[in-house]
PDB file of N, CA and C in Angstrom:
ATOM      1  N   UNK A   1     -92.109 -21.031 -65.521  1.00  0.00           N
ATOM      2  CA  UNK A   1     -92.917 -22.328 -64.954  1.00  0.00           C
ATOM      3  C   UNK A   1     -91.493 -23.460 -65.139  1.00  0.00           C
ATOM      4  N   UNK A   2     -90.902 -24.280 -64.296  1.00  0.00           N
ATOM      5  CA  UNK A   2     -90.396 -25.104 -64.517  1.00  0.00           C
ATOM      6  C   UNK A   2     -90.935 -26.240 -63.792  1.00  0.00           C
ATOM      7  N   UNK A   3     -91.916 -27.026 -64.839  1.00  0.00           N
ATOM      8  CA  UNK A   3     -92.402 -28.524 -64.163  1.00  0.00           C
ATOM      9  C   UNK A   3     -90.824 -29.924 -63.920  1.00  0.00           C
ATOM     10  N   UNK A   4     -90.899 -30.505 -63.015  1.00  0.00           N
ATOM     11  CA  UNK A   4     -89.469 -30.937 -62.744  1.00  0.00           C
ATOM     12  C   UNK A   4     -90.279 -32.815 -62.380  1.00  0.00           C
ATOM     13  N   UNK A   5     -89.784 -33.586 -63.088  1.00  0.00           N
ATOM     14  CA  UNK A   5     -90.408 -34.670 -63.073  1.00  0.00           C
ATOM     15  C   UNK A   5     -89.055 -35.506 -62.342  1.00  0.00           C
ATOM     16  N   UNK A   6     -89.473 -36.413 -60.969  1.00  0.00           N
ATOM     17  CA  UNK A   6     -88.669 -37.311 -60.491  1.00  0.00           C
ATOM     18  C   UNK A   6     -89.686 -37.785 -59.054  1.00  0.00           C
ATOM     19  N   UNK A   7     -88.396 -38.815 -58.256  1.00  0.00           N
ATOM     20  CA  UNK A   7     -89.271 -39.419 -57.317  1.00  0.00           C
ATOM     21  C   UNK A   7     -89.976 -38.902 -56.293  1.00  0.00           C
ATOM     22  N   UNK A   8     -90.894 -38.596 -55.576  1.00  0.00           N
ATOM     23  CA  UNK A   8     -91.330 -38.123 -54.457  1.00  0.00           C
ATOM     24  C   UNK A   8     -90.009 -37.571 -53.295  1.00  0.00           C
ATOM     25  N   UNK A   9     -89.001 -37.746 -52.660  1.00  0.00           N
ATOM     26  CA  UNK A   9     -88.378 -38.142 -52.136  1.00  0.00           C
ATOM     27  C   UNK A   9     -86.810 -37.038 -52.764  1.00  0.00           C
ATOM     28  N   UNK A  10     -86.603 -37.233 -54.174  1.00  0.00           N
ATOM     29  CA  UNK A  10     -86.180 -36.073 -54.582  1.00  0.00           C
ATOM     30  C   UNK A  10     -86.796 -34.280 -54.337  1.00  0.00           C
ATOM     31  N   UNK A  11     -85.770 -33.710 -53.716  1.00  0.00           N
ATOM     32  CA  UNK A  11     -86.397 -32.389 -54.295  1.00  0.00           C
ATOM     33  C   UNK A  11     -85.145 -31.131 -54.636  1.00  0.00           C
ATOM     34  N   UNK A  12     -85.836 -30.803 -56.114  1.00  0.00           N
ATOM     35  CA  UNK A  12     -84.834 -29.464 -56.420  1.00  0.00           C
ATOM     36  C   UNK A  12     -85.025 -28.500 -55.506  1.00  0.00           C
ATOM     37  N   UNK A  13     -83.747 -28.000 -55.398  1.00  0.00           N
ATOM     38  CA  UNK A  13     -83.251 -26.398 -55.046  1.00  0.00           C
ATOM     39  C   UNK A  13     -82.822 -25.398 -56.124  1.00  0.00           C
ATOM     40  N   UNK A  14     -83.066 -23.837 -56.072  1.00  0.00           N
ATOM     41  CA  UNK A  14     -82.248 -23.533 -56.838  1.00  0.00           C
ATOM     42  C   UNK A  14     -81.741 -21.828 -56.667  1.00  0.00           C
ATOM     43  N   UNK A  15     -81.004 -21.266 -56.851  1.00  0.00           N
ATOM     44  CA  UNK A  15     -80.564 -20.137 -57.013  1.00  0.00           C
ATOM     45  C   UNK A  15     -80.306 -19.058 -58.006  1.00  0.00           C
ATOM     46  N   UNK A  16     -81.020 -17.725 -58.210  1.00  0.00           N
ATOM     47  CA  UNK A  16     -81.235 -16.296 -58.955  1.00  0.00           C
ATOM     48  C   UNK A  16     -80.401 -15.462 -58.611  1.00  0.00           C
ATOM     49  N   UNK A  17     -80.184 -15.101 -59.900  1.00  0.00           N
ATOM     50  CA  UNK A  17     -79.711 -13.599 -59.904  1.00  0.00           C
ATOM     51  C   UNK A  17     -79.785 -12.924 -61.369  1.00  0.00           C
ATOM     52  N   UNK A  18     -79.970 -11.533 -61.455  1.00  0.00           N
ATOM     53  CA  UNK A  18     -79.944 -10.460 -62.355  1.00  0.00           C
ATOM     54  C   UNK A  18     -78.887 -10.690 -63.261  1.00  0.00           C
ATOM     55  N   UNK A  19     -78.503 -11.141 -64.555  1.00  0.00           N
ATOM     56  CA  UNK A  19     -77.253 -10.743 -65.050  1.00  0.00           C
ATOM     57  C   UNK A  19     -77.181  -9.851 -66.508  1.00  0.00           C
ATOM     58  N   UNK A  20     -76.170  -9.247 -66.218  1.00  0.00           N
ATOM     59  CA  UNK A  20     -75.958  -7.999 -67.325  1.00  0.00           C
ATOM     60  C   UNK A  20     -76.234  -8.958 -68.829  1.00  0.00           C
ATOM     61  N   UNK A  21     -75.498 -10.449 -69.371  1.00  0.00           N
ATOM     62  CA  UNK A  21     -74.957 -10.766 -70.422  1.00  0.00           C
ATOM     63  C   UNK A  21     -75.860 -12.296 -70.550  1.00  0.00           C
ATOM     64  N   UNK A  22     -76.662 -12.846 -71.035  1.00  0.00           N
ATOM     65  CA  UNK A  22     -76.769 -14.120 -71.375  1.00  0.00           C
ATOM     66  C   UNK A  22     -75.484 -14.933 -71.570  1.00  0.00           C
ATOM     67  N   UNK A  23     -74.691 -15.750 -70.155  1.00  0.00           N
ATOM     68  CA  UNK A  23     -73.854 -16.490 -70.648  1.00  0.00           C
ATOM     69  C   UNK A  23     -73.890 -17.910 -70.051  1.00  0.00           C
ATOM     70  N   UNK A  24     -73.269 -18.470 -70.778  1.00  0.00           N
ATOM     71  CA  UNK A  24     -73.256 -20.150 -70.504  1.00  0.00           C
ATOM     72  C   UNK A  24     -72.428 -20.311 -69.404  1.00  0.00           C
ATOM     73  N   UNK A  25     -72.863 -21.109 -68.160  1.00  0.00           N
ATOM     74  CA  UNK A  25     -72.009 -21.505 -67.485  1.00  0.00           C
ATOM     75  C   UNK A  25     -71.143 -22.453 -67.636  1.00  0.00           C
ATOM     76  N   UNK A  26     -69.981 -22.157 -66.462  1.00  0.00           N
ATOM     77  CA  UNK A  26     -68.765 -23.170 -67.784  1.00  0.00           C
ATOM     78  C   UNK A  26     -67.604 -22.191 -68.276  1.00  0.00           C
ATOM     79  N   UNK A  27     -68.240 -22.319 -69.646  1.00  0.00           N
ATOM     80  CA  UNK A  27     -67.796 -21.953 -70.555  1.00  0.00           C
ATOM     81  C   UNK A  27     -67.679 -20.726 -71.086  1.00  0.00           C
ATOM     82  N   UNK A  28     -68.511 -19.838 -70.090  1.00  0.00           N
ATOM     83  CA  UNK A  28     -68.236 -18.340 -70.548  1.00  0.00           C
ATOM     84  C   UNK A  28     -68.891 -17.879 -71.861  1.00  0.00           C
ATOM     85  N   UNK A  29     -69.297 -18.955 -72.581  1.00  0.00           N
ATOM     86  CA  UNK A  29     -69.808 -18.340 -73.956  1.00  0.00           C
ATOM     87  C   UNK A  29     -71.391 -17.306 -73.956  1.00  0.00           C
ATOM     88  N   UNK A  30     -71.071 -16.432 -75.051  1.00  0.00           N
ATOM     89  CA  UNK A  30     -72.506 -15.690 -74.924  1.00  0.00           C
ATOM     90  C   UNK A  30     -73.423 -16.330 -75.753  1.00  0.00           C
ATOM     91  N   UNK A  31     -74.790 -16.592 -74.811  1.00  0.00           N
ATOM     92  CA  UNK A  31     -75.640 -16.729 -75.997  1.00  0.00           C
ATOM     93  C   UNK A  31     -76.518 -15.964 -76.640  1.00  0.00           C
ATOM     94  N   UNK A  32     -77.485 -16.721 -77.644  1.00  0.00           N
ATOM     95  CA  UNK A  32     -78.239 -15.729 -78.556  1.00  0.00           C
ATOM     96  C   UNK A  32     -79.891 -15.789 -77.580  1.00  0.00           C
ATOM     97  N   UNK A  33     -79.983 -15.109 -76.295  1.00  0.00           N
ATOM     98  CA  UNK A  33     -81.169 -15.664 -75.799  1.00  0.00           C
ATOM     99  C   UNK A  33     -81.963 -13.803 -75.680  1.00  0.00           C
ATOM    100  N   UNK A  34     -82.954 -13.965 -76.204  1.00  0.00           N
ATOM    101  CA  UNK A  34     -83.645 -12.418 -76.787  1.00  0.00           C
ATOM    102  C   UNK A  34     -84.027 -12.238 -75.440  1.00  0.00           C
ATOM    103  N   UNK A  35     -83.941 -10.756 -75.268  1.00  0.00           N
ATOM    104  CA  UNK A  35     -84.420  -9.944 -74.100  1.00  0.00           C
ATOM    105  C   UNK A  35     -83.222  -8.510 -73.846  1.00  0.00           C
ATOM    106  N   UNK A  36     -84.016  -8.039 -72.715  1.00  0.00           N
ATOM    107  CA  UNK A  36     -83.165  -6.645 -72.680  1.00  0.00           C
ATOM    108  C   UNK A  36     -82.265  -6.755 -71.155  1.00  0.00           C
ATOM    109  N   UNK A  37     -83.095  -8.182 -70.581  1.00  0.00           N
ATOM    110  CA  UNK A  37     -82.643  -7.929 -68.959  1.00  0.00           C
ATOM    111  C   UNK A  37     -82.935  -9.700 -68.952  1.00  0.00           C
ATOM    112  N   UNK A  38     -81.729  -9.969 -68.040  1.00  0.00           N
ATOM    113  CA  UNK A  38     -81.153 -11.639 -67.592  1.00  0.00           C
ATOM    114  C   UNK A  38     -82.196 -11.628 -66.826  1.00  0.00           C
ATOM    115  N   UNK A  39     -82.273 -13.256 -66.171  1.00  0.00           N
ATOM    116  CA  UNK A  39     -82.219 -13.737 -64.777  1.00  0.00           C
ATOM    117  C   UNK A  39     -81.253 -15.385 -65.277  1.00  0.00           C
ATOM    118  N   UNK A  40     -80.340 -15.457 -64.578  1.00  0.00           N
ATOM    119  CA  UNK A  40     -79.831 -16.757 -64.433  1.00  0.00           C
ATOM    120  C   UNK A  40     -80.111 -17.504 -63.206  1.00  0.00           C
ATOM    121  N   UNK A  41     -80.970 -18.513 -64.227  1.00  0.00           N
ATOM    122  CA  UNK A  41     -81.674 -19.587 -62.747  1.00  0.00           C
ATOM    123  C   UNK A  41     -80.922 -20.825 -62.428  1.00  0.00           C
ATOM    124  N   UNK A  42     -80.199 -21.205 -61.622  1.00  0.00           N
ATOM    125  CA  UNK A  42     -79.893 -22.557 -61.472  1.00  0.00           C
ATOM    126  C   UNK A  42     -80.632 -23.646 -60.837  1.00  0.00           C
ATOM    127  N   UNK A  43     -80.910 -24.840 -61.109  1.00  0.00           N
ATOM    128  CA  UNK A  43     -81.805 -25.697 -60.594  1.00  0.00           C
ATOM    129  C   UNK A  43     -81.137 -26.535 -60.222  1.00  0.00           C
ATOM    130  N   UNK A  44     -80.956 -26.924 -58.757  1.00  0.00           N
ATOM    131  CA  UNK A  44     -79.625 -27.655 -58.162  1.00  0.00           C
ATOM    132  C   UNK A  44     -80.661 -28.863 -57.837  1.00  0.00           C
ATOM    133  N   UNK A  45     -80.182 -29.620 -57.230  1.00  0.00           N
ATOM    134  CA  UNK A  45     -80.470 -31.124 -57.000  1.00  0.00           C
ATOM    135  C   UNK A  45     -80.992 -32.050 -58.370  1.00  0.00           C
ATOM    136  N   UNK A  46     -80.837 -31.649 -58.779  1.00  0.00           N
ATOM    137  CA  UNK A  46     -81.521 -32.899 -60.095  1.00  0.00           C
ATOM    138  C   UNK A  46     -80.074 -33.930 -60.739  1.00  0.00           C
ATOM    139  N   UNK A  47     -80.650 -34.710 -61.683  1.00  0.00           N
ATOM    140  CA  UNK A  47     -79.278 -36.085 -62.049  1.00  0.00           C
ATOM    141  C   UNK A  47     -78.931 -35.143 -63.154  1.00  0.00           C
ATOM    142  N   UNK A  48     -77.776 -35.626 -63.854  1.00  0.00           N
ATOM    143  CA  UNK A  48     -77.211 -34.957 -64.832  1.00  0.00           C
ATOM    144  C   UNK A  48     -77.705 -36.332 -66.234  1.00  0.00           C
ATOM    145  N   UNK A  49     -77.567 -34.816 -67.196  1.00  0.00           N
ATOM    146  CA  UNK A  49     -78.110 -35.287 -68.176  1.00  0.00           C
ATOM    147  C   UNK A  49     -80.170 -34.875 -68.353  1.00  0.00           C
ATOM    148  N   UNK A  50     -80.391 -34.709 -69.914  1.00  0.00           N
ATOM    149  CA  UNK A  50     -81.499 -34.270 -70.170  1.00  0.00           C
ATOM    150  C   UNK A  50     -81.934 -35.891 -70.935  1.00  0.00           C
ATOM    151  N   UNK A  51     -82.465 -37.276 -70.787  1.00  0.00           N
ATOM    152  CA  UNK A  51     -82.678 -38.063 -71.198  1.00  0.00           C
ATOM    153  C   UNK A  51     -83.358 -38.937 -70.449  1.00  0.00           C
ATOM    154  N   UNK A  52     -83.690 -38.592 -69.247  1.00  0.00           N
ATOM    155  CA  UNK A  52     -84.644 -39.591 -68.139  1.00  0.00           C
ATOM    156  C   UNK A  52     -83.758 -40.556 -67.867  1.00  0.00           C
ATOM    157  N   UNK A  53     -82.630 -40.797 -67.934  1.00  0.00           N
ATOM    158  CA  UNK A  53     -81.960 -42.190 -67.615  1.00  0.00           C
ATOM    159  C   UNK A  53     -81.429 -41.692 -65.889  1.00  0.00           C
ATOM    160  N   UNK A  54     -81.209 -42.456 -65.280  1.00  0.00           N
ATOM    161  CA  UNK A  54     -80.708 -42.254 -64.024  1.00  0.00           C
ATOM    162  C   UNK A  54     -79.514 -42.241 -63.589  1.00  0.00           C
ATOM    163  N   UNK A  55     -78.582 -41.372 -63.199  1.00  0.00           N
ATOM    164  CA  UNK A  55     -77.304 -41.244 -63.108  1.00  0.00           C
ATOM    165  C   UNK A  55     -76.758 -41.936 -61.421  1.00  0.00           C
ATOM    166  N   UNK A  56     -75.120 -41.720 -61.444  1.00  0.00           N
ATOM    167  CA  UNK A  56     -74.733 -43.080 -60.413  1.00  0.00           C
ATOM    168  C   UNK A  56     -75.301 -42.880 -58.837  1.00  0.00           C
ATOM    169  N   UNK A  57     -76.285 -41.928 -58.956  1.00  0.00           N
ATOM    170  CA  UNK A  57     -76.805 -41.648 -57.143  1.00  0.00           C
ATOM    171  C   UNK A  57     -78.158 -42.164 -57.085  1.00  0.00           C
ATOM    172  N   UNK A  58     -78.531 -42.295 -57.885  1.00  0.00           N
ATOM    173  CA  UNK A  58     -79.614 -42.665 -58.337  1.00  0.00           C
ATOM    174  C   UNK A  58     -80.230 -42.548 -58.672  1.00  0.00           C
ATOM    175  N   UNK A  59     -80.613 -40.969 -59.082  1.00  0.00           N
ATOM    176  CA  UNK A  59     -81.360 -39.926 -59.443  1.00  0.00           C
ATOM    177  C   UNK A  59     -82.034 -40.176 -60.961  1.00  0.00           C
ATOM    178  N   UNK A  60     -83.491 -39.796 -60.982  1.00  0.00           N
ATOM    179  CA  UNK A  60     -83.021 -39.657 -62.312  1.00  0.00           C
ATOM    180  C   UNK A  60     -83.237 -38.034 -63.196  1.00  0.00           C
ATOM    181  N   UNK A  61     -82.530 -38.325 -64.251  1.00  0.00           N
ATOM    182  CA  UNK A  61     -82.367 -37.129 -65.083  1.00  0.00           C
ATOM    183  C   UNK A  61     -83.127 -35.894 -65.259  1.00  0.00           C
ATOM    184  N   UNK A  62     -83.005 -34.405 -64.942  1.00  0.00           N
ATOM    185  CA  UNK A  62     -84.149 -33.610 -65.741  1.00  0.00           C
ATOM    186  C   UNK A  62     -84.826 -33.749 -66.735  1.00  0.00           C
ATOM    187  N   UNK A  63     -86.410 -34.119 -66.363  1.00  0.00           N
ATOM    188  CA  UNK A  63     -86.913 -33.868 -67.734  1.00  0.00           C
ATOM    189  C   UNK A  63     -88.522 -33.320 -67.992  1.00  0.00           C
ATOM    190  N   UNK A  64     -87.979 -32.363 -67.024  1.00  0.00           N
ATOM    191  CA  UNK A  64     -89.221 -31.444 -66.529  1.00  0.00           C
ATOM    192  C   UNK A  64     -89.432 -30.661 -68.058  1.00  0.00           C
ATOM    193  N   UNK A  65     -90.403 -29.866 -68.005  1.00  0.00           N
ATOM    194  CA  UNK A  65     -91.081 -28.998 -69.229  1.00  0.00           C
ATOM    195  C   UNK A  65     -90.818 -27.576 -68.443  1.00  0.00           C
ATOM    196  N   UNK A  66     -90.454 -26.582 -69.588  1.00  0.00           N
ATOM    197  CA  UNK A  66     -90.374 -25.296 -69.048  1.00  0.00           C
ATOM    198  C   UNK A  66     -91.650 -24.378 -70.099  1.00  0.00           C
ATOM    199  N   UNK A  67     -92.191 -23.735 -69.212  1.00  0.00           N
ATOM    200  CA  UNK A  67     -93.545 -23.031 -69.739  1.00  0.00           C
ATOM    201  C   UNK A  67     -93.812 -21.346 -69.525  1.00  0.00           C
ATOM    202  N   UNK A  68     -94.393 -20.913 -70.099  1.00  0.00           N
ATOM    203  CA  UNK A  68     -94.809 -19.499 -69.727  1.00  0.00           C
ATOM    204  C   UNK A  68     -94.541 -18.114 -70.435  1.00  0.00           C
ATOM    205  N   UNK A  69     -93.859 -18.016 -71.713  1.00  0.00           N
ATOM    206  CA  UNK A  69     -92.986 -17.509 -71.934  1.00  0.00           C
ATOM    207  C   UNK A  69     -93.908 -16.605 -72.994  1.00  0.00           C
ATOM    208  N   UNK A  70     -93.751 -15.492 -73.172  1.00  0.00           N
ATOM    209  CA  UNK A  70     -94.912 -14.283 -73.466  1.00  0.00           C
ATOM    210  C   UNK A  70     -95.177 -13.165 -72.544  1.00  0.00           C
ATOM    211  N   UNK A  71     -95.228 -12.091 -73.424  1.00  0.00           N
ATOM    212  CA  UNK A  71     -95.846 -10.722 -72.234  1.00  0.00           C
ATOM    213  C   UNK A  71     -94.041 -10.530 -72.097  1.00  0.00           C
ATOM    214  N   UNK A  72     -93.717 -10.502 -70.780  1.00  0.00           N
ATOM    215  CA  UNK A  72     -92.882  -9.938 -70.030  1.00  0.00           C
ATOM    216  C   UNK A  72     -91.286 -10.979 -70.582  1.00  0.00           C
ATOM    217  N   UNK A  73     -91.825 -12.436 -70.743  1.00  0.00           N
ATOM    218  CA  UNK A  73     -90.421 -12.865 -70.516  1.00  0.00           C
ATOM    219  C   UNK A  73     -90.745 -13.519 -72.493  1.00  0.00           C
ATOM    220  N   UNK A  74     -89.358 -13.189 -72.741  1.00  0.00           N
ATOM    221  CA  UNK A  74     -89.404 -12.885 -74.701  1.00  0.00           C
ATOM    222  C   UNK A  74     -88.855 -14.355 -74.613  1.00  0.00           C
ATOM    223  N   UNK A  75     -87.504 -14.955 -74.073  1.00  0.00           N
ATOM    224  CA  UNK A  75     -87.649 -16.022 -73.980  1.00  0.00           C
ATOM    225  C   UNK A  75     -86.257 -17.343 -73.133  1.00  0.00           C
ATOM    226  N   UNK A  76     -86.901 -18.088 -72.933  1.00  0.00           N
ATOM    227  CA  UNK A  76     -86.232 -18.793 -71.998  1.00  0.00           C
ATOM    228  C   UNK A  76     -85.504 -19.993 -72.412  1.00  0.00           C
ATOM    229  N   UNK A  77     -83.713 -20.119 -72.161  1.00  0.00           N
ATOM    230  CA  UNK A  77     -82.906 -21.375 -72.648  1.00  0.00           C
ATOM    231  C   UNK A  77     -82.710 -22.211 -71.134  1.00  0.00           C
ATOM    232  N   UNK A  78     -83.008 -23.533 -71.808  1.00  0.00           N
ATOM    233  CA  UNK A  78     -82.326 -24.501 -71.216  1.00  0.00           C
ATOM    234  C   UNK A  78     -81.267 -25.204 -71.311  1.00  0.00           C
ATOM    235  N   UNK A  79     -80.148 -25.225 -70.510  1.00  0.00           N
ATOM    236  CA  UNK A  79     -78.922 -25.736 -70.817  1.00  0.00           C
ATOM    237  C   UNK A  79     -78.793 -27.077 -70.065  1.00  0.00           C
ATOM    238  N   UNK A  80     -77.776 -28.239 -70.460  1.00  0.00           N
ATOM    239  CA  UNK A  80     -78.145 -29.875 -70.103  1.00  0.00           C
ATOM    240  C   UNK A  80     -77.780 -28.997 -68.768  1.00  0.00           C
ATOM    241  N   UNK A  81     -77.913 -30.400 -67.850  1.00  0.00           N
ATOM    242  CA  UNK A  81     -77.883 -30.484 -66.493  1.00  0.00           C
ATOM    243  C   UNK A  81     -76.051 -31.169 -66.328  1.00  0.00           C
ATOM    244  N   UNK A  82     -75.522 -30.662 -64.847  1.00  0.00           N
ATOM    245  CA  UNK A  82     -74.415 -31.085 -64.836  1.00  0.00           C
ATOM    246  C   UNK A  82     -73.808 -30.751 -63.703  1.00  0.00           C
ATOM    247  N   UNK A  83     -73.248 -31.741 -63.301  1.00  0.00           N
ATOM    248  CA  UNK A  83     -73.028 -31.853 -61.439  1.00  0.00           C
ATOM    249  C   UNK A  83     -73.855 -31.996 -60.572  1.00  0.00           C
ATOM    250  N   UNK A  84     -75.393 -32.086 -60.886  1.00  0.00           N
ATOM    251  CA  UNK A  84     -76.629 -31.954 -60.001  1.00  0.00           C
ATOM    252  C   UNK A  84     -77.145 -30.641 -60.259  1.00  0.00           C
ATOM    253  N   UNK A  85     -76.787 -30.276 -61.227  1.00  0.00           N
ATOM    254  CA  UNK A  85     -77.551 -28.568 -62.035  1.00  0.00           C
ATOM    255  C   UNK A  85     -77.936 -28.518 -62.402  1.00  0.00           C
ATOM    256  N   UNK A  86     -79.020 -27.696 -63.579  1.00  0.00           N
ATOM    257  CA  UNK A  86     -79.296 -27.033 -64.577  1.00  0.00           C
ATOM    258  C   UNK A  86     -79.848 -26.071 -64.476  1.00  0.00           C
ATOM    259  N   UNK A  87     -78.676 -25.033 -65.478  1.00  0.00           N
ATOM    260  CA  UNK A  87     -78.731 -23.659 -66.028  1.00  0.00           C
ATOM    261  C   UNK A  87     -79.961 -23.160 -66.814  1.00  0.00           C
ATOM    262  N   UNK A  88     -80.930 -21.702 -66.368  1.00  0.00           N
ATOM    263  CA  UNK A  88     -81.709 -21.483 -67.045  1.00  0.00           C
ATOM    264  C   UNK A  88     -81.511 -20.167 -67.276  1.00  0.00           C
ATOM    265  N   UNK A  89     -81.991 -19.793 -68.785  1.00  0.00           N
ATOM    266  CA  UNK A  89     -81.762 -18.391 -68.661  1.00  0.00           C
ATOM    267  C   UNK A  89     -83.078 -17.811 -69.090  1.00  0.00           C
ATOM    268  N   UNK A  90     -83.583 -16.654 -68.434  1.00  0.00           N
ATOM    269  CA  UNK A  90     -84.791 -16.174 -69.009  1.00  0.00           C
ATOM    270  C   UNK A  90     -84.402 -14.756 -69.393  1.00  0.00           C
ATOM    271  N   UNK A  91     -84.898 -14.433 -70.329  1.00  0.00           N
ATOM    272  CA  UNK A  91     -84.573 -13.215 -71.239  1.00  0.00           C
ATOM    273  C   UNK A  91     -85.770 -12.563 -71.178  1.00  0.00           C
ATOM    274  N   UNK A  92     -85.840 -11.261 -70.508  1.00  0.00           N
ATOM    275  CA  UNK A  92     -86.943 -10.462 -70.456  1.00  0.00           C
ATOM    276  C   UNK A  92     -87.167  -8.825 -70.418  1.00  0.00           C
ATOM    277  N   UNK A  93     -88.010  -8.601 -71.036  1.00  0.00           N
ATOM    278  CA  UNK A  93     -88.246  -7.151 -71.374  1.00  0.00           C
ATOM    279  C   UNK A  93     -87.785  -5.855 -70.535  1.00  0.00           C
ATOM    280  N   UNK A  94     -87.255  -4.821 -71.049  1.00  0.00           N
ATOM    281  CA  UNK A  94     -86.850  -4.486 -70.156  1.00  0.00           C
ATOM    282  C   UNK A  94     -87.504  -3.584 -69.002  1.00  0.00           C
ATOM    283  N   UNK A  95     -89.040  -3.695 -69.696  1.00  0.00           N
ATOM    284  CA  UNK A  95     -89.848  -3.011 -68.112  1.00  0.00           C
ATOM    285  C   UNK A  95     -89.589  -4.142 -66.709  1.00  0.00           C
ATOM    286  N   UNK A  96     -89.151  -5.312 -66.824  1.00  0.00           N
ATOM    287  CA  UNK A  96     -89.604  -5.769 -65.912  1.00  0.00           C
ATOM    288  C   UNK A  96     -88.355  -5.404 -64.633  1.00  0.00           C
ATOM    289  N   UNK A  97     -88.949  -4.503 -63.237  1.00  0.00           N
ATOM    290  CA  UNK A  97     -88.452  -4.119 -62.195  1.00  0.00           C
ATOM    291  C   UNK A  97     -87.981  -4.999 -61.242  1.00  0.00           C
ATOM    292  N   UNK A  98     -89.141  -5.727 -61.411  1.00  0.00           N
ATOM    293  CA  UNK A  98     -88.967  -7.058 -59.843  1.00  0.00           C
ATOM    294  C   UNK A  98     -88.860  -8.708 -60.329  1.00  0.00           C
ATOM    295  N   UNK A  99     -88.495  -9.568 -59.835  1.00  0.00           N
ATOM    296  CA  UNK A  99     -88.499 -10.900 -59.693  1.00  0.00           C
ATOM    297  C   UNK A  99     -88.966 -11.720 -58.305  1.00  0.00           C
ATOM    298  N   UNK A 100     -89.113 -12.759 -58.604  1.00  0.00           N
ATOM    299  CA  UNK A 100     -89.593 -13.482 -57.306  1.00  0.00           C
ATOM    300  C   UNK A 100     -89.470 -14.911 -58.102  1.00  0.00           C
ATOM    301  N   UNK A 101     -88.934 -15.643 -57.122  1.00  0.00           N
ATOM    302  CA  UNK A 101     -89.104 -17.464 -57.045  1.00  0.00           C
ATOM    303  C   UNK A 101     -89.510 -17.604 -56.084  1.00  0.00           C
ATOM    304  N   UNK A 102     -90.281 -19.289 -56.406  1.00  0.00           N
ATOM    305  CA  UNK A 102     -91.057 -20.103 -55.579  1.00  0.00           C
ATOM    306  C   UNK A 102     -91.079 -21.180 -56.294  1.00  0.00           C
ATOM    307  N   UNK A 103     -90.614 -22.411 -54.833  1.00  0.00           N
ATOM    308  CA  UNK A 103     -90.871 -23.521 -55.289  1.00  0.00           C
ATOM    309  C   UNK A 103     -91.872 -23.849 -54.530  1.00  0.00           C
ATOM    310  N   UNK A 104     -92.913 -24.776 -55.020  1.00  0.00           N
ATOM    311  CA  UNK A 104     -94.433 -25.422 -55.114  1.00  0.00           C
ATOM    312  C   UNK A 104     -93.922 -27.140 -55.538  1.00  0.00           C
ATOM    313  N   UNK A 105     -94.615 -27.843 -54.668  1.00  0.00           N
ATOM    314  CA  UNK A 105     -94.858 -29.299 -54.286  1.00  0.00           C
ATOM    315  C   UNK A 105     -95.635 -30.075 -55.278  1.00  0.00           C
ATOM    316  N   UNK A 106     -95.896 -31.089 -54.996  1.00  0.00           N
ATOM    317  CA  UNK A 106     -96.843 -32.323 -55.878  1.00  0.00           C
ATOM    318  C   UNK A 106     -97.783 -31.677 -57.144  1.00  0.00           C
ATOM    319  N   UNK A 107     -97.662 -31.071 -58.281  1.00  0.00           N
ATOM    320  CA  UNK A 107     -95.893 -31.796 -58.643  1.00  0.00           C
ATOM    321  C   UNK A 107     -95.220 -30.661 -58.277  1.00  0.00           C
ATOM    322  N   UNK A 108     -93.985 -31.001 -58.356  1.00  0.00           N
ATOM    323  CA  UNK A 108     -92.734 -30.058 -58.549  1.00  0.00           C
ATOM    324  C   UNK A 108     -92.354 -28.813 -59.150  1.00  0.00           C
ATOM    325  N   UNK A 109     -92.399 -27.844 -58.546  1.00  0.00           N
ATOM    326  CA  UNK A 109     -92.134 -26.764 -59.958  1.00  0.00           C
ATOM    327  C   UNK A 109     -91.267 -25.805 -59.370  1.00  0.00           C
ATOM    328  N   UNK A 110     -90.779 -25.194 -60.343  1.00  0.00           N
ATOM    329  CA  UNK A 110     -90.421 -23.749 -59.796  1.00  0.00           C
ATOM    330  C   UNK A 110     -90.812 -22.628 -60.527  1.00  0.00           C
ATOM    331  N   UNK A 111     -91.561 -21.417 -59.719  1.00  0.00           N
ATOM    332  CA  UNK A 111     -92.053 -20.600 -60.300  1.00  0.00           C
ATOM    333  C   UNK A 111     -91.203 -19.327 -60.536  1.00  0.00           C
ATOM    334  N   UNK A 112     -91.396 -18.751 -61.663  1.00  0.00           N
ATOM    335  CA  UNK A 112     -90.386 -17.579 -61.955  1.00  0.00           C
ATOM    336  C   UNK A 112     -91.301 -16.303 -62.235  1.00  0.00           C
ATOM    337  N   UNK A 113     -91.789 -15.272 -61.049  1.00  0.00           N
ATOM    338  CA  UNK A 113     -92.852 -14.681 -61.052  1.00  0.00           C
ATOM    339  C   UNK A 113     -92.085 -13.114 -61.177  1.00  0.00           C
ATOM    340  N   UNK A 114     -92.175 -12.310 -62.783  1.00  0.00           N
ATOM    341  CA  UNK A 114     -91.889 -11.326 -63.047  1.00  0.00           C
ATOM    342  C   UNK A 114     -92.958 -10.298 -63.248  1.00  0.00           C
ATOM    343  N   UNK A 115     -92.258  -8.548 -62.524  1.00  0.00           N
ATOM    344  CA  UNK A 115     -93.287  -7.875 -63.136  1.00  0.00           C
ATOM    345  C   UNK A 115     -92.685  -6.547 -63.524  1.00  0.00           C
TER     346      UNK A 115
END
């Protein structure tokens, strides 16, 4: 689960896909993320950076928290925000066969459910 801090009018989005390897966006660098399967989650509509500052569009930077590792989720890797989105890689146990992602509000959250 990603808890997203921000102003009420700021609405984050997301897109997700299963990937064969945990690669860092843009560089393509192979990352050391524990797991047998991987989900690459992009959180969109957020400010650049991770320091709580405000970007040129007036959006606060991503300062949310990530939780919920254990069981089928072996590791969560969070990259820095760039051009309004942040990369989150989830390293999953080989037993994972399905996933779904939902957005919640008040407070804003993106929840990844795996089974």
